[in-house]
């Protein structure tokens, strides 16, 4: 019964993850709504140059591909429902999971079909919920990366030869945009830090229990769960790593413009921005930063 226990425990951890993250979604709905509104209005902070339009179009394509890949990967867990058709397992009453509706016979028709429908519907609901929660998180992180890229373009397109008053206003606007981006990233961290803690903790638990199942029986449906949770964590860490890389190079981008040709007051403004951009932006899940090194440490 060990493989049945570990497999049921792994899938129960997924249910626990969904329950906790759904509770956080409801509890922090105000902050999440504010995040969505910032993403919708982010294009108003920047100009409408050709370079900005090109980067924005590329961002929309990246978001579309990422969300579709996320949904497709999570839908792979529905393969659990096809396993009984290909390889019935009497120990599970031919169900994809060792569970059934209470107080109902689960080994005779039509009750077997009711239990099969119950498990299938529950799995599909979990997939839809996780796609929505993780999709919003990935979208928010990539939106922050996109904002930093647009800020770099705005800095590079800065007209150094403009009148001092106009140059001063533009530099003040750039600094204000940078402060908004930092505030947006801070809001993301405050909204999702418990979410990331739950994600990291339960993914480690699912991987450990799933590997125990595979060690006993290599050909097992638990592979679909393991692949999905690994893809989930890798996608989040990869998005966080992009944020780290883009924010880390922002100060160099500011320094690379012809600041020496500016008046002294405007040079001081650039110094302020460089000082604020020295520290890279990293999302943290209480005990682990959301970067690729964290994913590699979990995998190992």
C-alpha atoms as a PDB file:
ATOM      1  CA  UNK A   1       0.000   0.000   0.000  1.00  0.00           C
ATOM      2  CA  UNK A   2       3.053   2.289   0.133  1.00  0.00           C
ATOM      3  CA  UNK A   3       2.773   3.479  -3.468  1.00  0.00           C
ATOM      4  CA  UNK A   4      -0.950   4.175  -3.014  1.00  0.00           C
ATOM      5  CA  UNK A   5      -0.237   6.165   0.142  1.00  0.00           C
ATOM      6  CA  UNK A   6       2.558   8.247  -1.364  1.00  0.00           C
ATOM      7  CA  UNK A   7       0.627   8.917  -4.553  1.00  0.00           C
ATOM      8  CA  UNK A   8      -2.479   9.963  -2.625  1.00  0.00           C
ATOM      9  CA  UNK A   9      -0.324  12.091  -0.312  1.00  0.00           C
ATOM     10  CA  UNK A  10       1.267  13.850  -3.290  1.00  0.00           C
ATOM     11  CA  UNK A  11      -2.053  14.675  -4.906  1.00  0.00           C
ATOM     12  CA  UNK A  12      -3.402  15.767  -1.510  1.00  0.00           C
ATOM     13  CA  UNK A  13      -0.499  18.223  -1.295  1.00  0.00           C
ATOM     14  CA  UNK A  14      -1.667  19.699  -4.601  1.00  0.00           C
ATOM     15  CA  UNK A  15      -5.166  20.102  -3.164  1.00  0.00           C
ATOM     16  CA  UNK A  16      -3.682  21.741  -0.059  1.00  0.00           C
ATOM     17  CA  UNK A  17      -1.680  24.129  -2.239  1.00  0.00           C
ATOM     18  CA  UNK A  18      -4.786  25.114  -4.176  1.00  0.00           C
ATOM     19  CA  UNK A  19      -6.833  25.601  -0.999  1.00  0.00           C
ATOM     20  CA  UNK A  20      -4.220  27.865   0.617  1.00  0.00           C
ATOM     21  CA  UNK A  21      -3.564  29.862  -2.538  1.00  0.00           C
ATOM     22  CA  UNK A  22      -7.287  30.292  -3.175  1.00  0.00           C
ATOM     23  CA  UNK A  23      -7.647  31.646   0.357  1.00  0.00           C
ATOM     24  CA  UNK A  24      -4.794  34.074  -0.275  1.00  0.00           C
ATOM     25  CA  UNK A  25      -6.386  35.072  -3.569  1.00  0.00           C
ATOM     26  CA  UNK A  26      -9.614  36.017  -1.811  1.00  0.00           C
ATOM     27  CA  UNK A  27      -7.873  37.633   1.172  1.00  0.00           C
ATOM     28  CA  UNK A  28      -5.581  39.795  -0.981  1.00  0.00           C
ATOM     29  CA  UNK A  29      -8.020  40.506  -3.792  1.00  0.00           C
ATOM     30  CA  UNK A  30      -7.675  44.281  -3.303  1.00  0.00           C
ATOM     31  CA  UNK A  31      -3.898  44.214  -3.808  1.00  0.00           C
ATOM     32  CA  UNK A  32      -4.250  41.895  -6.796  1.00  0.00           C
ATOM     33  CA  UNK A  33      -6.848  44.186  -8.373  1.00  0.00           C
ATOM     34  CA  UNK A  34      -4.469  47.105  -7.921  1.00  0.00           C
ATOM     35  CA  UNK A  35      -1.709  45.069  -9.574  1.00  0.00           C
ATOM     36  CA  UNK A  36      -3.928  44.305 -12.561  1.00  0.00           C
ATOM     37  CA  UNK A  37      -4.876  47.972 -12.885  1.00  0.00           C
ATOM     38  CA  UNK A  38      -1.205  49.022 -12.854  1.00  0.00           C
ATOM     39  CA  UNK A  39      -0.451  46.516 -15.622  1.00  0.00           C
ATOM     40  CA  UNK A  40      -3.339  47.877 -17.699  1.00  0.00           C
ATOM     41  CA  UNK A  41      -2.179  51.470 -17.305  1.00  0.00           C
ATOM     42  CA  UNK A  42       1.580  50.887 -17.626  1.00  0.00           C
ATOM     43  CA  UNK A  43       1.717  52.030 -21.265  1.00  0.00           C
ATOM     44  CA  UNK A  44       0.658  55.547 -20.196  1.00  0.00           C
ATOM     45  CA  UNK A  45       3.899  56.052 -18.247  1.00  0.00           C
ATOM     46  CA  UNK A  46       6.041  55.938 -21.369  1.00  0.00           C
ATOM     47  CA  UNK A  47       6.084  57.585 -24.760  1.00  0.00           C
ATOM     48  CA  UNK A  48       5.015  56.202 -28.102  1.00  0.00           C
ATOM     49  CA  UNK A  49       8.283  55.882 -29.980  1.00  0.00           C
ATOM     50  CA  UNK A  50       8.964  53.118 -32.490  1.00  0.00           C
ATOM     51  CA  UNK A  51      11.328  51.307 -30.106  1.00  0.00           C
ATOM     52  CA  UNK A  52       8.750  51.341 -27.306  1.00  0.00           C
ATOM     53  CA  UNK A  53       6.010  50.052 -29.612  1.00  0.00           C
ATOM     54  CA  UNK A  54       8.305  47.252 -30.795  1.00  0.00           C
ATOM     55  CA  UNK A  55       9.172  46.158 -27.246  1.00  0.00           C
ATOM     56  CA  UNK A  56       5.509  46.332 -26.223  1.00  0.00           C
ATOM     57  CA  UNK A  57       4.438  44.134 -29.148  1.00  0.00           C
ATOM     58  CA  UNK A  58       7.147  41.640 -28.227  1.00  0.00           C
ATOM     59  CA  UNK A  59       5.920  41.680 -24.624  1.00  0.00           C
ATOM     60  CA  UNK A  60       2.349  40.868 -25.674  1.00  0.00           C
ATOM     61  CA  UNK A  61       3.574  37.920 -27.748  1.00  0.00           C
ATOM     62  CA  UNK A  62       5.691  36.664 -24.833  1.00  0.00           C
ATOM     63  CA  UNK A  63       2.726  36.848 -22.467  1.00  0.00           C
ATOM     64  CA  UNK A  64       0.492  34.990 -24.914  1.00  0.00           C
ATOM     65  CA  UNK A  65       3.019  32.189 -25.453  1.00  0.00           C
ATOM     66  CA  UNK A  66       3.802  31.888 -21.737  1.00  0.00           C
ATOM     67  CA  UNK A  67       0.183  31.676 -20.610  1.00  0.00           C
ATOM     68  CA  UNK A  68      -0.687  29.153 -23.314  1.00  0.00           C
ATOM     69  CA  UNK A  69       2.316  27.016 -22.355  1.00  0.00           C
ATOM     70  CA  UNK A  70       1.325  27.236 -18.696  1.00  0.00           C
ATOM     71  CA  UNK A  71      -2.240  26.130 -19.429  1.00  0.00           C
ATOM     72  CA  UNK A  72      -1.067  23.293 -21.705  1.00  0.00           C
ATOM     73  CA  UNK A  73       1.390  21.987 -19.110  1.00  0.00           C
ATOM     74  CA  UNK A  74      -1.166  22.050 -16.310  1.00  0.00           C
ATOM     75  CA  UNK A  75      -3.721  20.334 -18.531  1.00  0.00           C
ATOM     76  CA  UNK A  76      -1.283  17.437 -18.850  1.00  0.00           C
ATOM     77  CA  UNK A  77      -2.342  16.385 -15.353  1.00  0.00           C
ATOM     78  CA  UNK A  78      -5.714  15.486 -16.881  1.00  0.00           C
ATOM     79  CA  UNK A  79      -3.904  12.495 -18.381  1.00  0.00           C
ATOM     80  CA  UNK A  80      -4.583  10.924 -14.988  1.00  0.00           C
ATOM     81  CA  UNK A  81      -8.160  10.453 -16.178  1.00  0.00           C
ATOM     82  CA  UNK A  82      -6.997   8.498 -19.252  1.00  0.00           C
ATOM     83  CA  UNK A  83      -4.852   6.004 -17.337  1.00  0.00           C
ATOM     84  CA  UNK A  84      -7.768   3.722 -16.278  1.00  0.00           C
ATOM     85  CA  UNK A  85      -8.808   3.374 -19.917  1.00  0.00           C
ATOM     86  CA  UNK A  86      -5.347   2.222 -20.994  1.00  0.00           C
ATOM     87  CA  UNK A  87      -4.238   0.395 -17.863  1.00  0.00           C
ATOM     88  CA  UNK A  88      -6.960  -0.401 -15.294  1.00  0.00           C
ATOM     89  CA  UNK A  89      -5.701  -0.798 -11.731  1.00  0.00           C
ATOM     90  CA  UNK A  90      -7.904  -2.915  -9.422  1.00  0.00           C
ATOM     91  CA  UNK A  91      -6.211  -1.454  -6.353  1.00  0.00           C
ATOM     92  CA  UNK A  92      -7.709   1.908  -7.236  1.00  0.00           C
ATOM     93  CA  UNK A  93     -11.086   0.613  -8.385  1.00  0.00           C
ATOM     94  CA  UNK A  94      -9.994   1.714 -11.860  1.00  0.00           C
ATOM     95  CA  UNK A  95      -9.909   5.337 -10.716  1.00  0.00           C
ATOM     96  CA  UNK A  96      -6.959   7.583 -11.528  1.00  0.00           C
ATOM     97  CA  UNK A  97      -6.557   8.365  -7.812  1.00  0.00           C
ATOM     98  CA  UNK A  98      -7.103   6.144  -4.762  1.00  0.00           C
ATOM     99  CA  UNK A  99     -10.172   8.130  -3.670  1.00  0.00           C
ATOM    100  CA  UNK A 100     -13.912   7.942  -4.148  1.00  0.00           C
ATOM    101  CA  UNK A 101     -17.149   9.496  -2.930  1.00  0.00           C
ATOM    102  CA  UNK A 102     -17.944   8.492   0.653  1.00  0.00           C
ATOM    103  CA  UNK A 103     -20.853   6.173   1.488  1.00  0.00           C
ATOM    104  CA  UNK A 104     -21.140   5.054  -2.107  1.00  0.00           C
ATOM    105  CA  UNK A 105     -20.062   1.734  -3.653  1.00  0.00           C
ATOM    106  CA  UNK A 106     -17.144   2.422  -5.974  1.00  0.00           C
ATOM    107  CA  UNK A 107     -16.615  -0.953  -7.643  1.00  0.00           C
ATOM    108  CA  UNK A 108     -19.933  -1.481  -9.438  1.00  0.00           C
ATOM    109  CA  UNK A 109     -21.820   0.293 -12.209  1.00  0.00           C
ATOM    110  CA  UNK A 110     -23.053   3.058 -12.231  1.00  0.00           C
ATOM    111  CA  UNK A 111     -21.318   4.197  -9.048  1.00  0.00           C
ATOM    112  CA  UNK A 112     -17.879   3.697 -10.576  1.00  0.00           C
ATOM    113  CA  UNK A 113     -18.788   6.176 -13.294  1.00  0.00           C
ATOM    114  CA  UNK A 114     -19.975   8.701 -10.710  1.00  0.00           C
ATOM    115  CA  UNK A 115     -16.687   8.437  -8.844  1.00  0.00           C
ATOM    116  CA  UNK A 116     -14.746   8.701 -12.102  1.00  0.00           C
ATOM    117  CA  UNK A 117     -16.697  11.866 -13.001  1.00  0.00           C
ATOM    118  CA  UNK A 118     -16.126  13.276  -9.526  1.00  0.00           C
ATOM    119  CA  UNK A 119     -12.347  12.831  -9.717  1.00  0.00           C
ATOM    120  CA  UNK A 120     -12.201  14.218 -13.257  1.00  0.00           C
ATOM    121  CA  UNK A 121     -14.193  17.341 -12.373  1.00  0.00           C
ATOM    122  CA  UNK A 122     -12.095  17.988  -9.249  1.00  0.00           C
ATOM    123  CA  UNK A 123      -8.876  17.652 -11.226  1.00  0.00           C
ATOM    124  CA  UNK A 124     -10.106  20.020 -13.926  1.00  0.00           C
ATOM    125  CA  UNK A 125     -11.209  22.624 -11.345  1.00  0.00           C
ATOM    126  CA  UNK A 126      -7.773  22.470  -9.716  1.00  0.00           C
ATOM    127  CA  UNK A 127      -6.090  22.971 -13.085  1.00  0.00           C
ATOM    128  CA  UNK A 128      -8.238  25.998 -13.948  1.00  0.00           C
ATOM    129  CA  UNK A 129      -7.633  27.613 -10.540  1.00  0.00           C
ATOM    130  CA  UNK A 130      -3.869  27.096 -10.668  1.00  0.00           C
ATOM    131  CA  UNK A 131      -3.650  28.435 -14.221  1.00  0.00           C
ATOM    132  CA  UNK A 132      -5.412  31.611 -13.086  1.00  0.00           C
ATOM    133  CA  UNK A 133      -3.292  32.114  -9.948  1.00  0.00           C
ATOM    134  CA  UNK A 134       0.092  31.307 -11.484  1.00  0.00           C
ATOM    135  CA  UNK A 135      -0.821  33.062 -14.729  1.00  0.00           C
ATOM    136  CA  UNK A 136      -1.462  36.302 -12.832  1.00  0.00           C
ATOM    137  CA  UNK A 137       1.816  35.948 -10.921  1.00  0.00           C
ATOM    138  CA  UNK A 138       3.859  35.317 -14.071  1.00  0.00           C
ATOM    139  CA  UNK A 139       2.069  38.157 -15.875  1.00  0.00           C
ATOM    140  CA  UNK A 140       2.869  40.551 -13.010  1.00  0.00           C
ATOM    141  CA  UNK A 141       6.564  39.633 -12.943  1.00  0.00           C
ATOM    142  CA  UNK A 142       6.938  39.909 -16.719  1.00  0.00           C
ATOM    143  CA  UNK A 143       5.086  43.240 -16.609  1.00  0.00           C
ATOM    144  CA  UNK A 144       7.701  44.545 -14.146  1.00  0.00           C
ATOM    145  CA  UNK A 145      10.460  43.314 -16.494  1.00  0.00           C
ATOM    146  CA  UNK A 146       8.708  45.051 -19.387  1.00  0.00           C
ATOM    147  CA  UNK A 147       8.481  48.327 -17.458  1.00  0.00           C
ATOM    148  CA  UNK A 148      12.213  48.281 -16.745  1.00  0.00           C
ATOM    149  CA  UNK A 149      12.951  47.642 -20.418  1.00  0.00           C
ATOM    150  CA  UNK A 150      10.771  50.594 -21.445  1.00  0.00           C
ATOM    151  CA  UNK A 151      12.473  52.765 -18.825  1.00  0.00           C
ATOM    152  CA  UNK A 152      15.860  51.893 -20.345  1.00  0.00           C
ATOM    153  CA  UNK A 153      14.613  52.863 -23.783  1.00  0.00           C
ATOM    154  CA  UNK A 154      13.283  56.163 -22.393  1.00  0.00           C
ATOM    155  CA  UNK A 155      16.684  56.874 -20.812  1.00  0.00           C
ATOM    156  CA  UNK A 156      18.549  56.027 -24.023  1.00  0.00           C
ATOM    157  CA  UNK A 157      16.240  58.299 -26.060  1.00  0.00           C
ATOM    158  CA  UNK A 158      16.769  61.208 -23.665  1.00  0.00           C
ATOM    159  CA  UNK A 159      17.624  64.410 -25.565  1.00  0.00           C
ATOM    160  CA  UNK A 160      20.799  65.648 -23.890  1.00  0.00           C
ATOM    161  CA  UNK A 161      20.861  68.793 -26.016  1.00  0.00           C
ATOM    162  CA  UNK A 162      17.417  70.007 -24.978  1.00  0.00           C
ATOM    163  CA  UNK A 163      16.884  73.154 -22.938  1.00  0.00           C
ATOM    164  CA  UNK A 164      17.781  72.806 -19.279  1.00  0.00           C
ATOM    165  CA  UNK A 165      14.202  73.244 -18.069  1.00  0.00           C
ATOM    166  CA  UNK A 166      12.892  70.604 -20.491  1.00  0.00           C
ATOM    167  CA  UNK A 167      15.761  68.239 -19.667  1.00  0.00           C
ATOM    168  CA  UNK A 168      15.125  68.704 -15.963  1.00  0.00           C
ATOM    169  CA  UNK A 169      11.407  67.888 -16.346  1.00  0.00           C
ATOM    170  CA  UNK A 170      12.218  64.780 -18.366  1.00  0.00           C
ATOM    171  CA  UNK A 171      14.736  63.553 -15.802  1.00  0.00           C
ATOM    172  CA  UNK A 172      12.259  64.132 -12.978  1.00  0.00           C
ATOM    173  CA  UNK A 173       9.663  62.144 -14.932  1.00  0.00           C
ATOM    174  CA  UNK A 174      12.131  59.282 -15.460  1.00  0.00           C
ATOM    175  CA  UNK A 175      12.961  59.204 -11.746  1.00  0.00           C
ATOM    176  CA  UNK A 176       9.254  59.165 -10.883  1.00  0.00           C
ATOM    177  CA  UNK A 177       8.690  56.265 -13.300  1.00  0.00           C
ATOM    178  CA  UNK A 178      11.547  54.382 -11.683  1.00  0.00           C
ATOM    179  CA  UNK A 179      10.023  54.947  -8.245  1.00  0.00           C
ATOM    180  CA  UNK A 180       6.664  53.643  -9.508  1.00  0.00           C
ATOM    181  CA  UNK A 181       8.327  50.524 -10.865  1.00  0.00           C
ATOM    182  CA  UNK A 182      10.069  49.920  -7.538  1.00  0.00           C
ATOM    183  CA  UNK A 183       6.774  50.411  -5.728  1.00  0.00           C
ATOM    184  CA  UNK A 184       5.062  47.994  -8.118  1.00  0.00           C
ATOM    185  CA  UNK A 185       7.717  45.320  -7.468  1.00  0.00           C
ATOM    186  CA  UNK A 186       7.445  45.899  -3.715  1.00  0.00           C
ATOM    187  CA  UNK A 187       3.674  45.484  -3.977  1.00  0.00           C
ATOM    188  CA  UNK A 188       4.176  42.220  -5.870  1.00  0.00           C
ATOM    189  CA  UNK A 189       6.429  40.926  -3.114  1.00  0.00           C
ATOM    190  CA  UNK A 190       3.991  41.910  -0.376  1.00  0.00           C
ATOM    191  CA  UNK A 191       1.115  40.299  -2.274  1.00  0.00           C
ATOM    192  CA  UNK A 192       2.789  37.000  -3.159  1.00  0.00           C
ATOM    193  CA  UNK A 193       5.442  36.270  -0.514  1.00  0.00           C
ATOM    194  CA  UNK A 194       3.221  33.811   1.392  1.00  0.00           C
ATOM    195  CA  UNK A 195       2.026  32.434  -1.933  1.00  0.00           C
ATOM    196  CA  UNK A 196       5.628  31.748  -2.958  1.00  0.00           C
ATOM    197  CA  UNK A 197       6.395  30.174   0.412  1.00  0.00           C
ATOM    198  CA  UNK A 198       3.487  27.738  -0.006  1.00  0.00           C
ATOM    199  CA  UNK A 199       4.522  27.062  -3.590  1.00  0.00           C
ATOM    200  CA  UNK A 200       8.150  26.254  -2.741  1.00  0.00           C
ATOM    201  CA  UNK A 201       7.282  24.181   0.330  1.00  0.00           C
ATOM    202  CA  UNK A 202       4.584  22.019  -1.236  1.00  0.00           C
ATOM    203  CA  UNK A 203       6.468  21.547  -4.503  1.00  0.00           C
ATOM    204  CA  UNK A 204       9.395  20.122  -2.502  1.00  0.00           C
ATOM    205  CA  UNK A 205       6.971  17.820  -0.689  1.00  0.00           C
ATOM    206  CA  UNK A 206       5.301  16.685  -3.929  1.00  0.00           C
ATOM    207  CA  UNK A 207       8.660  16.008  -5.578  1.00  0.00           C
ATOM    208  CA  UNK A 208       9.911  13.950  -2.637  1.00  0.00           C
ATOM    209  CA  UNK A 209       6.767  11.834  -2.411  1.00  0.00           C
ATOM    210  CA  UNK A 210       6.498  11.483  -6.186  1.00  0.00           C
ATOM    211  CA  UNK A 211      10.086  10.287  -6.485  1.00  0.00           C
ATOM    212  CA  UNK A 212       9.326   7.609  -3.888  1.00  0.00           C
ATOM    213  CA  UNK A 213       6.483   6.385  -6.084  1.00  0.00           C
ATOM    214  CA  UNK A 214       8.691   6.351  -9.191  1.00  0.00           C
ATOM    215  CA  UNK A 215      11.412   4.476  -7.334  1.00  0.00           C
ATOM    216  CA  UNK A 216       8.905   1.669  -6.727  1.00  0.00           C
ATOM    217  CA  UNK A 217       7.250   1.794 -10.153  1.00  0.00           C
ATOM    218  CA  UNK A 218       8.849   3.832 -12.959  1.00  0.00           C
ATOM    219  CA  UNK A 219       5.865   3.688 -15.316  1.00  0.00           C
ATOM    220  CA  UNK A 220       3.384   5.648 -13.253  1.00  0.00           C
ATOM    221  CA  UNK A 221       0.868   8.426 -13.822  1.00  0.00           C
ATOM    222  CA  UNK A 222       2.551  10.499 -11.107  1.00  0.00           C
ATOM    223  CA  UNK A 223       5.007  11.628 -13.823  1.00  0.00           C
ATOM    224  CA  UNK A 224       2.341  14.052 -15.096  1.00  0.00           C
ATOM    225  CA  UNK A 225       2.105  15.709 -11.697  1.00  0.00           C
ATOM    226  CA  UNK A 226       5.875  15.892 -11.282  1.00  0.00           C
ATOM    227  CA  UNK A 227       6.401  17.428 -14.709  1.00  0.00           C
ATOM    228  CA  UNK A 228       3.704  20.038 -14.055  1.00  0.00           C
ATOM    229  CA  UNK A 229       5.028  21.126 -10.657  1.00  0.00           C
ATOM    230  CA  UNK A 230       8.609  21.300 -11.968  1.00  0.00           C
ATOM    231  CA  UNK A 231       7.442  23.404 -14.925  1.00  0.00           C
ATOM    232  CA  UNK A 232       5.438  25.620 -12.561  1.00  0.00           C
ATOM    233  CA  UNK A 233       8.412  26.315 -10.315  1.00  0.00           C
ATOM    234  CA  UNK A 234      10.887  26.716 -13.180  1.00  0.00           C
ATOM    235  CA  UNK A 235       8.634  29.228 -14.954  1.00  0.00           C
ATOM    236  CA  UNK A 236       8.233  31.341 -11.808  1.00  0.00           C
ATOM    237  CA  UNK A 237      11.961  31.247 -11.052  1.00  0.00           C
ATOM    238  CA  UNK A 238      12.848  32.045 -14.670  1.00  0.00           C
ATOM    239  CA  UNK A 239      10.523  35.069 -14.636  1.00  0.00           C
ATOM    240  CA  UNK A 240      12.051  36.242 -11.356  1.00  0.00           C
ATOM    241  CA  UNK A 241      15.522  35.768 -12.821  1.00  0.00           C
ATOM    242  CA  UNK A 242      14.612  37.980 -15.788  1.00  0.00           C
ATOM    243  CA  UNK A 243      13.565  40.670 -13.306  1.00  0.00           C
ATOM    244  CA  UNK A 244      16.907  40.360 -11.511  1.00  0.00           C
ATOM    245  CA  UNK A 245      18.892  40.644 -14.769  1.00  0.00           C
ATOM    246  CA  UNK A 246      16.969  43.640 -16.119  1.00  0.00           C
ATOM    247  CA  UNK A 247      17.059  45.589 -12.853  1.00  0.00           C
ATOM    248  CA  UNK A 248      20.731  44.807 -12.284  1.00  0.00           C
ATOM    249  CA  UNK A 249      21.726  46.465 -15.576  1.00  0.00           C
ATOM    250  CA  UNK A 250      19.588  49.589 -15.068  1.00  0.00           C
ATOM    251  CA  UNK A 251      22.281  51.609 -13.287  1.00  0.00           C
ATOM    252  CA  UNK A 252      24.762  50.832 -16.084  1.00  0.00           C
ATOM    253  CA  UNK A 253      22.210  51.993 -18.639  1.00  0.00           C
ATOM    254  CA  UNK A 254      21.829  55.321 -16.824  1.00  0.00           C
ATOM    255  CA  UNK A 255      25.585  55.769 -16.570  1.00  0.00           C
ATOM    256  CA  UNK A 256      26.111  54.997 -20.268  1.00  0.00           C
ATOM    257  CA  UNK A 257      24.365  58.166 -21.511  1.00  0.00           C
ATOM    258  CA  UNK A 258      26.328  61.389 -22.079  1.00  0.00           C
ATOM    259  CA  UNK A 259      25.802  62.670 -18.551  1.00  0.00           C
ATOM    260  CA  UNK A 260      28.981  64.741 -18.703  1.00  0.00           C
ATOM    261  CA  UNK A 261      27.300  67.009 -21.264  1.00  0.00           C
ATOM    262  CA  UNK A 262      24.459  67.859 -18.867  1.00  0.00           C
ATOM    263  CA  UNK A 263      24.318  70.780 -16.466  1.00  0.00           C
ATOM    264  CA  UNK A 264      25.385  70.033 -12.894  1.00  0.00           C
ATOM    265  CA  UNK A 265      21.837  69.980 -11.389  1.00  0.00           C
ATOM    266  CA  UNK A 266      20.757  67.344 -13.922  1.00  0.00           C
ATOM    267  CA  UNK A 267      23.907  65.326 -13.235  1.00  0.00           C
ATOM    268  CA  UNK A 268      22.916  65.248  -9.579  1.00  0.00           C
ATOM    269  CA  UNK A 269      19.497  63.878 -10.551  1.00  0.00           C
ATOM    270  CA  UNK A 270      21.202  61.094 -12.478  1.00  0.00           C
ATOM    271  CA  UNK A 271      23.346  60.338  -9.434  1.00  0.00           C
ATOM    272  CA  UNK A 272      20.205  59.936  -7.353  1.00  0.00           C
ATOM    273  CA  UNK A 273      18.710  57.516  -9.865  1.00  0.00           C
ATOM    274  CA  UNK A 274      21.935  55.502 -10.158  1.00  0.00           C
ATOM    275  CA  UNK A 275      22.053  55.226  -6.368  1.00  0.00           C
ATOM    276  CA  UNK A 276      18.465  53.936  -6.242  1.00  0.00           C
ATOM    277  CA  UNK A 277      19.118  51.485  -9.088  1.00  0.00           C
ATOM    278  CA  UNK A 278      22.219  49.931  -7.506  1.00  0.00           C
ATOM    279  CA  UNK A 279      20.271  47.227  -5.675  1.00  0.00           C
ATOM    280  CA  UNK A 280      18.735  44.638  -8.063  1.00  0.00           C
ATOM    281  CA  UNK A 281      15.030  43.910  -7.679  1.00  0.00           C
ATOM    282  CA  UNK A 282      14.348  40.370  -6.428  1.00  0.00           C
ATOM    283  CA  UNK A 283      11.058  38.827  -5.353  1.00  0.00           C
ATOM    284  CA  UNK A 284      11.347  36.761  -2.189  1.00  0.00           C
ATOM    285  CA  UNK A 285       9.171  33.979  -0.832  1.00  0.00           C
ATOM    286  CA  UNK A 286      10.140  34.568   2.842  1.00  0.00           C
ATOM    287  CA  UNK A 287      13.109  32.172   2.800  1.00  0.00           C
ATOM    288  CA  UNK A 288      14.039  31.807  -0.889  1.00  0.00           C
ATOM    289  CA  UNK A 289      14.443  34.429  -3.634  1.00  0.00           C
ATOM    290  CA  UNK A 290      12.559  33.805  -6.853  1.00  0.00           C
ATOM    291  CA  UNK A 291      15.578  33.174  -9.093  1.00  0.00           C
ATOM    292  CA  UNK A 292      16.970  30.187 -11.010  1.00  0.00           C
ATOM    293  CA  UNK A 293      19.472  29.289  -8.287  1.00  0.00           C
ATOM    294  CA  UNK A 294      16.524  28.636  -5.968  1.00  0.00           C
ATOM    295  CA  UNK A 295      14.967  26.320  -8.553  1.00  0.00           C
ATOM    296  CA  UNK A 296      18.255  24.432  -8.955  1.00  0.00           C
ATOM    297  CA  UNK A 297      18.585  24.037  -5.196  1.00  0.00           C
ATOM    298  CA  UNK A 298      15.049  22.596  -4.976  1.00  0.00           C
ATOM    299  CA  UNK A 299      15.713  20.258  -7.917  1.00  0.00           C
ATOM    300  CA  UNK A 300      18.932  18.992  -6.392  1.00  0.00           C
END
